[in-house]
Amino acid sequence: MSDSEYMKKFGKKLRILRQRQGLTTRQLGEMLGVHNSHITRIEQGLKPSTDLIIKISHIFAVPIDMLMKDELELD
Protein backbone atom coordinates (compact mmCIF):
# COMPACT_ATOMS: atom_id res chain seq x y z
CA MET A 1 0.00 0.00 0.00
CA SER A 2 1.36 3.42 -0.93
CA ASP A 3 1.90 6.30 1.45
CA SER A 4 -1.01 8.21 -0.09
CA GLU A 5 -3.32 5.22 0.45
CA TYR A 6 -2.29 5.07 4.12
CA MET A 7 -2.98 8.78 4.50
CA LYS A 8 -6.41 8.44 2.89
CA LYS A 9 -7.19 5.66 5.35
CA PHE A 10 -5.96 7.87 8.22
CA GLY A 11 -8.15 10.70 6.94
CA LYS A 12 -11.17 8.42 6.80
CA LYS A 13 -10.56 7.30 10.38
CA LEU A 14 -10.18 10.92 11.49
CA ARG A 15 -13.47 11.87 9.82
CA ILE A 16 -15.25 8.94 11.50
CA LEU A 17 -13.87 9.90 14.92
CA ARG A 18 -14.74 13.57 14.43
CA GLN A 19 -18.29 12.80 13.32
CA ARG A 20 -18.85 10.33 16.16
CA GLN A 21 -18.03 13.13 18.59
CA GLY A 22 -20.35 15.51 16.74
CA LEU A 23 -17.50 17.88 15.95
CA THR A 24 -17.24 20.13 12.92
CA THR A 25 -13.93 20.58 11.15
CA ARG A 26 -13.85 24.07 12.65
CA GLN A 27 -14.28 22.76 16.20
CA LEU A 28 -11.63 20.09 15.75
CA GLY A 29 -9.31 22.60 14.13
CA GLU A 30 -9.65 24.87 17.14
CA MET A 31 -8.90 21.98 19.48
CA LEU A 32 -5.79 21.11 17.45
CA GLY A 33 -4.69 24.69 16.82
CA VAL A 34 -5.05 24.52 13.04
CA HIS A 35 -7.44 25.99 10.49
CA ASN A 36 -10.52 23.93 9.64
CA SER A 37 -9.40 23.70 6.01
CA HIS A 38 -6.30 21.85 7.24
CA ILE A 39 -8.56 19.26 8.91
CA THR A 40 -10.46 18.87 5.64
CA ARG A 41 -7.22 18.34 3.72
CA ILE A 42 -6.06 15.71 6.25
CA GLU A 43 -9.39 13.93 5.92
CA GLN A 44 -8.80 13.91 2.16
CA GLY A 45 -5.33 12.36 2.48
CA LEU A 46 -2.84 15.12 3.43
CA LYS A 47 -0.11 13.75 5.67
CA PRO A 48 -0.35 15.37 9.14
CA SER A 49 2.67 16.23 11.26
CA THR A 50 3.74 13.87 14.01
CA ASP A 51 2.69 16.43 16.63
CA LEU A 52 -0.79 16.63 15.11
CA ILE A 53 -1.12 12.83 15.07
CA ILE A 54 -0.26 12.74 18.77
CA LYS A 55 -2.80 15.48 19.55
CA ILE A 56 -5.49 13.64 17.56
CA SER A 57 -4.70 10.45 19.45
CA HIS A 58 -5.12 12.26 22.78
CA ILE A 59 -8.29 14.13 21.85
CA PHE A 60 -10.08 10.97 20.75
CA ALA A 61 -8.39 8.65 23.27
CA VAL A 62 -7.31 6.32 20.48
CA PRO A 63 -3.89 4.66 20.31
CA ILE A 64 -1.65 6.05 17.57
CA ASP A 65 -1.21 2.62 16.03
CA MET A 66 -4.98 2.33 15.58
CA LEU A 67 -4.90 5.58 13.61
CA MET A 68 -1.84 4.70 11.57
CA LYS A 69 -1.99 0.96 10.88
CA ASP A 70 -4.27 -0.05 8.07
CA GLU A 71 -5.14 -3.43 9.51
CA LEU A 72 -6.54 -1.93 12.71
CA GLU A 73 -10.11 -0.77 12.29
CA LEU A 74 -12.19 1.48 14.49
CA ASP A 75 -15.00 -0.31 16.29
PDB file of N, CA and C in Angstrom:
ATOM      1  N   MET A   1       0.846  -1.181   0.000  1.00  0.00           N
ATOM      2  CA  MET A   1       0.000   0.000   0.000  1.00  0.00           C
ATOM      3  C   MET A   1       0.892   1.244   0.000  1.00  0.00           C
ATOM      4  N   SER A   2       0.550   2.205  -0.822  1.00  0.00           N
ATOM      5  CA  SER A   2       1.364   3.418  -0.930  1.00  0.00           C
ATOM      6  C   SER A   2       1.106   4.359   0.239  1.00  0.00           C
ATOM      7  N   ASP A   3       2.025   5.309   0.384  1.00  0.00           N
ATOM      8  CA  ASP A   3       1.904   6.303   1.445  1.00  0.00           C
ATOM      9  C   ASP A   3       0.601   7.084   1.313  1.00  0.00           C
ATOM     10  N   SER A   4       0.220   7.447   0.096  1.00  0.00           N
ATOM     11  CA  SER A   4      -1.014   8.213  -0.094  1.00  0.00           C
ATOM     12  C   SER A   4      -2.247   7.380   0.280  1.00  0.00           C
ATOM     13  N   GLU A   5      -2.197   6.079   0.045  1.00  0.00           N
ATOM     14  CA  GLU A   5      -3.317   5.217   0.448  1.00  0.00           C
ATOM     15  C   GLU A   5      -3.423   5.132   1.972  1.00  0.00           C
ATOM     16  N   TYR A   6      -2.277   5.072   2.655  1.00  0.00           N
ATOM     17  CA  TYR A   6      -2.288   5.074   4.120  1.00  0.00           C
ATOM     18  C   TYR A   6      -2.870   6.377   4.654  1.00  0.00           C
ATOM     19  N   MET A   7      -2.502   7.485   4.026  1.00  0.00           N
ATOM     20  CA  MET A   7      -2.979   8.782   4.500  1.00  0.00           C
ATOM     21  C   MET A   7      -4.472   8.952   4.233  1.00  0.00           C
ATOM     22  N   LYS A   8      -4.966   8.396   3.138  1.00  0.00           N
ATOM     23  CA  LYS A   8      -6.409   8.436   2.887  1.00  0.00           C
ATOM     24  C   LYS A   8      -7.152   7.624   3.937  1.00  0.00           C
ATOM     25  N   LYS A   9      -6.582   6.492   4.310  1.00  0.00           N
ATOM     26  CA  LYS A   9      -7.192   5.657   5.353  1.00  0.00           C
ATOM     27  C   LYS A   9      -7.174   6.403   6.688  1.00  0.00           C
ATOM     28  N   PHE A  10      -6.053   7.061   6.997  1.00  0.00           N
ATOM     29  CA  PHE A  10      -5.958   7.868   8.218  1.00  0.00           C
ATOM     30  C   PHE A  10      -7.026   8.958   8.196  1.00  0.00           C
ATOM     31  N   GLY A  11      -7.155   9.630   7.069  1.00  0.00           N
ATOM     32  CA  GLY A  11      -8.151  10.698   6.945  1.00  0.00           C
ATOM     33  C   GLY A  11      -9.566  10.193   7.146  1.00  0.00           C
ATOM     34  N   LYS A  12      -9.845   9.016   6.618  1.00  0.00           N
ATOM     35  CA  LYS A  12     -11.175   8.424   6.799  1.00  0.00           C
ATOM     36  C   LYS A  12     -11.431   8.119   8.274  1.00  0.00           C
ATOM     37  N   LYS A  13     -10.428   7.590   8.953  1.00  0.00           N
ATOM     38  CA  LYS A  13     -10.563   7.297  10.380  1.00  0.00           C
ATOM     39  C   LYS A  13     -10.774   8.587  11.174  1.00  0.00           C
ATOM     40  N   LEU A  14     -10.024   9.641  10.806  1.00  0.00           N
ATOM     41  CA  LEU A  14     -10.185  10.918  11.494  1.00  0.00           C
ATOM     42  C   LEU A  14     -11.600  11.447  11.307  1.00  0.00           C
ATOM     43  N   ARG A  15     -12.116  11.395  10.092  1.00  0.00           N
ATOM     44  CA  ARG A  15     -13.473  11.873   9.822  1.00  0.00           C
ATOM     45  C   ARG A  15     -14.498  11.087  10.644  1.00  0.00           C
ATOM     46  N   ILE A  16     -14.333   9.772  10.711  1.00  0.00           N
ATOM     47  CA  ILE A  16     -15.250   8.940  11.501  1.00  0.00           C
ATOM     48  C   ILE A  16     -15.208   9.356  12.968  1.00  0.00           C
ATOM     49  N   LEU A  17     -14.007   9.505  13.521  1.00  0.00           N
ATOM     50  CA  LEU A  17     -13.874   9.902  14.925  1.00  0.00           C
ATOM     51  C   LEU A  17     -14.488  11.275  15.177  1.00  0.00           C
ATOM     52  N   ARG A  18     -14.214  12.209  14.280  1.00  0.00           N
ATOM     53  CA  ARG A  18     -14.742  13.569  14.430  1.00  0.00           C
ATOM     54  C   ARG A  18     -16.272  13.561  14.397  1.00  0.00           C
ATOM     55  N   GLN A  19     -16.829  12.852  13.453  1.00  0.00           N
ATOM     56  CA  GLN A  19     -18.285  12.802  13.319  1.00  0.00           C
ATOM     57  C   GLN A  19     -18.937  12.079  14.492  1.00  0.00           C
ATOM     58  N   ARG A  20     -18.310  11.043  14.993  1.00  0.00           N
ATOM     59  CA  ARG A  20     -18.850  10.328  16.165  1.00  0.00           C
ATOM     60  C   ARG A  20     -18.951  11.240  17.386  1.00  0.00           C
ATOM     61  N   GLN A  21     -18.023  12.184  17.471  1.00  0.00           N
ATOM     62  CA  GLN A  21     -18.027  13.132  18.594  1.00  0.00           C
ATOM     63  C   GLN A  21     -18.911  14.341  18.300  1.00  0.00           C
ATOM     64  N   GLY A  22     -19.489  14.395  17.117  1.00  0.00           N
ATOM     65  CA  GLY A  22     -20.352  15.509  16.742  1.00  0.00           C
ATOM     66  C   GLY A  22     -19.589  16.808  16.542  1.00  0.00           C
ATOM     67  N   LEU A  23     -18.332  16.692  16.136  1.00  0.00           N
ATOM     68  CA  LEU A  23     -17.497  17.875  15.949  1.00  0.00           C
ATOM     69  C   LEU A  23     -17.471  18.301  14.489  1.00  0.00           C
ATOM     70  N   THR A  24     -17.459  19.603  14.255  1.00  0.00           N
ATOM     71  CA  THR A  24     -17.240  20.130  12.919  1.00  0.00           C
ATOM     72  C   THR A  24     -15.736  20.198  12.674  1.00  0.00           C
ATOM     73  N   THR A  25     -15.358  20.407  11.433  1.00  0.00           N
ATOM     74  CA  THR A  25     -13.934  20.582  11.151  1.00  0.00           C
ATOM     75  C   THR A  25     -13.409  21.840  11.844  1.00  0.00           C
ATOM     76  N   ARG A  26     -14.252  22.840  11.961  1.00  0.00           N
ATOM     77  CA  ARG A  26     -13.852  24.073  12.647  1.00  0.00           C
ATOM     78  C   ARG A  26     -13.569  23.804  14.128  1.00  0.00           C
ATOM     79  N   GLN A  27     -14.464  23.062  14.778  1.00  0.00           N
ATOM     80  CA  GLN A  27     -14.280  22.761  16.204  1.00  0.00           C
ATOM     81  C   GLN A  27     -13.016  21.935  16.434  1.00  0.00           C
ATOM     82  N   LEU A  28     -12.822  20.913  15.602  1.00  0.00           N
ATOM     83  CA  LEU A  28     -11.631  20.088  15.746  1.00  0.00           C
ATOM     84  C   LEU A  28     -10.379  20.897  15.453  1.00  0.00           C
ATOM     85  N   GLY A  29     -10.443  21.733  14.444  1.00  0.00           N
ATOM     86  CA  GLY A  29      -9.312  22.595  14.126  1.00  0.00           C
ATOM     87  C   GLY A  29      -8.927  23.484  15.299  1.00  0.00           C
ATOM     88  N   GLU A  30      -9.924  24.042  15.970  1.00  0.00           N
ATOM     89  CA  GLU A  30      -9.652  24.872  17.144  1.00  0.00           C
ATOM     90  C   GLU A  30      -9.003  24.057  18.253  1.00  0.00           C
ATOM     91  N   MET A  31      -9.466  22.843  18.444  1.00  0.00           N
ATOM     92  CA  MET A  31      -8.896  21.978  19.476  1.00  0.00           C
ATOM     93  C   MET A  31      -7.436  21.632  19.163  1.00  0.00           C
ATOM     94  N   LEU A  32      -7.133  21.507  17.875  1.00  0.00           N
ATOM     95  CA  LEU A  32      -5.790  21.114  17.449  1.00  0.00           C
ATOM     96  C   LEU A  32      -4.890  22.309  17.146  1.00  0.00           C
ATOM     97  N   GLY A  33      -5.472  23.495  17.110  1.00  0.00           N
ATOM     98  CA  GLY A  33      -4.691  24.692  16.822  1.00  0.00           C
ATOM     99  C   GLY A  33      -4.358  24.868  15.353  1.00  0.00           C
ATOM    100  N   VAL A  34      -5.242  24.365  14.483  1.00  0.00           N
ATOM    101  CA  VAL A  34      -5.053  24.520  13.036  1.00  0.00           C
ATOM    102  C   VAL A  34      -6.356  25.018  12.414  1.00  0.00           C
ATOM    103  N   HIS A  35      -6.268  25.503  11.199  1.00  0.00           N
ATOM    104  CA  HIS A  35      -7.444  25.986  10.487  1.00  0.00           C
ATOM    105  C   HIS A  35      -8.308  24.803  10.067  1.00  0.00           C
ATOM    106  N   ASN A  36      -9.623  25.021  10.007  1.00  0.00           N
ATOM    107  CA  ASN A  36     -10.523  23.929   9.641  1.00  0.00           C
ATOM    108  C   ASN A  36     -10.242  23.382   8.238  1.00  0.00           C
ATOM    109  N   SER A  37      -9.724  24.207   7.351  1.00  0.00           N
ATOM    110  CA  SER A  37      -9.401  23.703   6.012  1.00  0.00           C
ATOM    111  C   SER A  37      -8.251  22.687   6.067  1.00  0.00           C
ATOM    112  N   HIS A  38      -7.384  22.824   7.065  1.00  0.00           N
ATOM    113  CA  HIS A  38      -6.302  21.855   7.243  1.00  0.00           C
ATOM    114  C   HIS A  38      -6.876  20.496   7.650  1.00  0.00           C
ATOM    115  N   ILE A  39      -7.884  20.512   8.507  1.00  0.00           N
ATOM    116  CA  ILE A  39      -8.563  19.263   8.906  1.00  0.00           C
ATOM    117  C   ILE A  39      -9.182  18.611   7.673  1.00  0.00           C
ATOM    118  N   THR A  40      -9.849  19.407   6.860  1.00  0.00           N
ATOM    119  CA  THR A  40     -10.461  18.875   5.637  1.00  0.00           C
ATOM    120  C   THR A  40      -9.415  18.235   4.740  1.00  0.00           C
ATOM    121  N   ARG A  41      -8.279  18.893   4.575  1.00  0.00           N
ATOM    122  CA  ARG A  41      -7.219  18.336   3.720  1.00  0.00           C
ATOM    123  C   ARG A  41      -6.653  17.040   4.300  1.00  0.00           C
ATOM    124  N   ILE A  42      -6.521  16.961   5.623  1.00  0.00           N
ATOM    125  CA  ILE A  42      -6.057  15.715   6.254  1.00  0.00           C
ATOM    126  C   ILE A  42      -7.072  14.603   6.007  1.00  0.00           C
ATOM    127  N   GLU A  43      -8.346  14.929   6.152  1.00  0.00           N
ATOM    128  CA  GLU A  43      -9.388  13.927   5.921  1.00  0.00           C
ATOM    129  C   GLU A  43      -9.401  13.458   4.468  1.00  0.00           C
ATOM    130  N   GLN A  44      -8.864  14.268   3.574  1.00  0.00           N
ATOM    131  CA  GLN A  44      -8.796  13.909   2.156  1.00  0.00           C
ATOM    132  C   GLN A  44      -7.482  13.225   1.787  1.00  0.00           C
ATOM    133  N   GLY A  45      -6.550  13.107   2.744  1.00  0.00           N
ATOM    134  CA  GLY A  45      -5.326  12.363   2.480  1.00  0.00           C
ATOM    135  C   GLY A  45      -4.024  13.106   2.694  1.00  0.00           C
ATOM    136  N   LEU A  46      -4.073  14.386   3.135  1.00  0.00           N
ATOM    137  CA  LEU A  46      -2.841  15.116   3.431  1.00  0.00           C
ATOM    138  C   LEU A  46      -2.159  14.497   4.642  1.00  0.00           C
ATOM    139  N   LYS A  47      -0.856  14.336   4.564  1.00  0.00           N
ATOM    140  CA  LYS A  47      -0.105  13.750   5.673  1.00  0.00           C
ATOM    141  C   LYS A  47       0.038  14.766   6.804  1.00  0.00           C
ATOM    142  N   PRO A  48      -0.480  14.454   8.003  1.00  0.00           N
ATOM    143  CA  PRO A  48      -0.345  15.371   9.139  1.00  0.00           C
ATOM    144  C   PRO A  48       1.038  15.260   9.775  1.00  0.00           C
ATOM    145  N   SER A  49       1.401  16.275  10.527  1.00  0.00           N
ATOM    146  CA  SER A  49       2.671  16.228  11.258  1.00  0.00           C
ATOM    147  C   SER A  49       2.564  15.219  12.398  1.00  0.00           C
ATOM    148  N   THR A  50       3.700  14.793  12.880  1.00  0.00           N
ATOM    149  CA  THR A  50       3.736  13.867  14.012  1.00  0.00           C
ATOM    150  C   THR A  50       3.059  14.482  15.235  1.00  0.00           C
ATOM    151  N   ASP A  51       3.312  15.755  15.491  1.00  0.00           N
ATOM    152  CA  ASP A  51       2.686  16.429  16.632  1.00  0.00           C
ATOM    153  C   ASP A  51       1.165  16.405  16.517  1.00  0.00           C
ATOM    154  N   LEU A  52       0.654  16.627  15.316  1.00  0.00           N
ATOM    155  CA  LEU A  52      -0.788  16.627  15.106  1.00  0.00           C
ATOM    156  C   LEU A  52      -1.367  15.229  15.311  1.00  0.00           C
ATOM    157  N   ILE A  53      -0.663  14.208  14.862  1.00  0.00           N
ATOM    158  CA  ILE A  53      -1.119  12.829  15.067  1.00  0.00           C
ATOM    159  C   ILE A  53      -1.220  12.530  16.562  1.00  0.00           C
ATOM    160  N   ILE A  54      -0.245  12.957  17.316  1.00  0.00           N
ATOM    161  CA  ILE A  54      -0.256  12.739  18.770  1.00  0.00           C
ATOM    162  C   ILE A  54      -1.434  13.465  19.409  1.00  0.00           C
ATOM    163  N   LYS A  55      -1.672  14.710  19.001  1.00  0.00           N
ATOM    164  CA  LYS A  55      -2.800  15.478  19.549  1.00  0.00           C
ATOM    165  C   LYS A  55      -4.131  14.808  19.212  1.00  0.00           C
ATOM    166  N   ILE A  56      -4.263  14.333  17.982  1.00  0.00           N
ATOM    167  CA  ILE A  56      -5.490  13.641  17.564  1.00  0.00           C
ATOM    168  C   ILE A  56      -5.701  12.393  18.414  1.00  0.00           C
ATOM    169  N   SER A  57      -4.635  11.653  18.627  1.00  0.00           N
ATOM    170  CA  SER A  57      -4.704  10.454  19.453  1.00  0.00           C
ATOM    171  C   SER A  57      -5.207  10.782  20.858  1.00  0.00           C
ATOM    172  N   HIS A  58      -4.702  11.859  21.427  1.00  0.00           N
ATOM    173  CA  HIS A  58      -5.115  12.256  22.784  1.00  0.00           C
ATOM    174  C   HIS A  58      -6.561  12.755  22.824  1.00  0.00           C
ATOM    175  N   ILE A  59      -6.934  13.571  21.867  1.00  0.00           N
ATOM    176  CA  ILE A  59      -8.294  14.131  21.848  1.00  0.00           C
ATOM    177  C   ILE A  59      -9.339  13.031  21.778  1.00  0.00           C
ATOM    178  N   PHE A  60      -9.096  12.027  20.942  1.00  0.00           N
ATOM    179  CA  PHE A  60     -10.085  10.968  20.751  1.00  0.00           C
ATOM    180  C   PHE A  60      -9.806   9.726  21.596  1.00  0.00           C
ATOM    181  N   ALA A  61      -8.758   9.775  22.405  1.00  0.00           N
ATOM    182  CA  ALA A  61      -8.389   8.650  23.275  1.00  0.00           C
ATOM    183  C   ALA A  61      -8.269   7.347  22.474  1.00  0.00           C
ATOM    184  N   VAL A  62      -7.530   7.449  21.372  1.00  0.00           N
ATOM    185  CA  VAL A  62      -7.313   6.320  20.480  1.00  0.00           C
ATOM    186  C   VAL A  62      -5.805   6.126  20.343  1.00  0.00           C
ATOM    187  N   PRO A  63      -5.323   4.894  20.480  1.00  0.00           N
ATOM    188  CA  PRO A  63      -3.887   4.665  20.312  1.00  0.00           C
ATOM    189  C   PRO A  63      -3.412   5.080  18.916  1.00  0.00           C
ATOM    190  N   ILE A  64      -2.217   5.608  18.844  1.00  0.00           N
ATOM    191  CA  ILE A  64      -1.654   6.053  17.571  1.00  0.00           C
ATOM    192  C   ILE A  64      -1.622   4.917  16.559  1.00  0.00           C
ATOM    193  N   ASP A  65      -1.282   3.720  17.001  1.00  0.00           N
ATOM    194  CA  ASP A  65      -1.212   2.619  16.033  1.00  0.00           C
ATOM    195  C   ASP A  65      -2.569   2.312  15.419  1.00  0.00           C
ATOM    196  N   MET A  66      -3.653   2.551  16.144  1.00  0.00           N
ATOM    197  CA  MET A  66      -4.982   2.333  15.585  1.00  0.00           C
ATOM    198  C   MET A  66      -5.271   3.360  14.481  1.00  0.00           C
ATOM    199  N   LEU A  67      -4.734   4.557  14.643  1.00  0.00           N
ATOM    200  CA  LEU A  67      -4.903   5.576  13.609  1.00  0.00           C
ATOM    201  C   LEU A  67      -4.035   5.298  12.387  1.00  0.00           C
ATOM    202  N   MET A  68      -2.834   4.798  12.631  1.00  0.00           N
ATOM    203  CA  MET A  68      -1.845   4.698  11.570  1.00  0.00           C
ATOM    204  C   MET A  68      -1.821   3.359  10.834  1.00  0.00           C
ATOM    205  N   LYS A  69      -2.100   2.279  11.514  1.00  0.00           N
ATOM    206  CA  LYS A  69      -1.992   0.960  10.878  1.00  0.00           C
ATOM    207  C   LYS A  69      -3.273   0.620  10.148  1.00  0.00           C
ATOM    208  N   ASP A  70      -3.115   0.242   8.922  1.00  0.00           N
ATOM    209  CA  ASP A  70      -4.267  -0.049   8.065  1.00  0.00           C
ATOM    210  C   ASP A  70      -5.080  -1.240   8.555  1.00  0.00           C
ATOM    211  N   GLU A  71      -4.404  -2.210   9.128  1.00  0.00           N
ATOM    212  CA  GLU A  71      -5.141  -3.433   9.508  1.00  0.00           C
ATOM    213  C   GLU A  71      -5.963  -3.263  10.778  1.00  0.00           C
ATOM    214  N   LEU A  72      -5.744  -2.181  11.506  1.00  0.00           N
ATOM    215  CA  LEU A  72      -6.545  -1.934  12.714  1.00  0.00           C
ATOM    216  C   LEU A  72      -7.710  -1.043  12.374  1.00  0.00           C
ATOM    217  N   GLU A  73      -8.891  -1.515  12.614  1.00  0.00           N
ATOM    218  CA  GLU A  73     -10.106  -0.775  12.292  1.00  0.00           C
ATOM    219  C   GLU A  73     -10.724  -0.189  13.556  1.00  0.00           C
ATOM    220  N   LEU A  74     -11.443   0.903  13.382  1.00  0.00           N
ATOM    221  CA  LEU A  74     -12.189   1.482  14.488  1.00  0.00           C
ATOM    222  C   LEU A  74     -13.420   0.631  14.729  1.00  0.00           C
ATOM    223  N   ASP A  75     -13.793   0.476  15.975  1.00  0.00           N
ATOM    224  CA  ASP A  75     -15.001  -0.308  16.290  1.00  0.00           C
ATOM    225  C   ASP A  75     -16.246   0.483  15.954  1.00  0.00           C
TER     226      ASP A  75
END
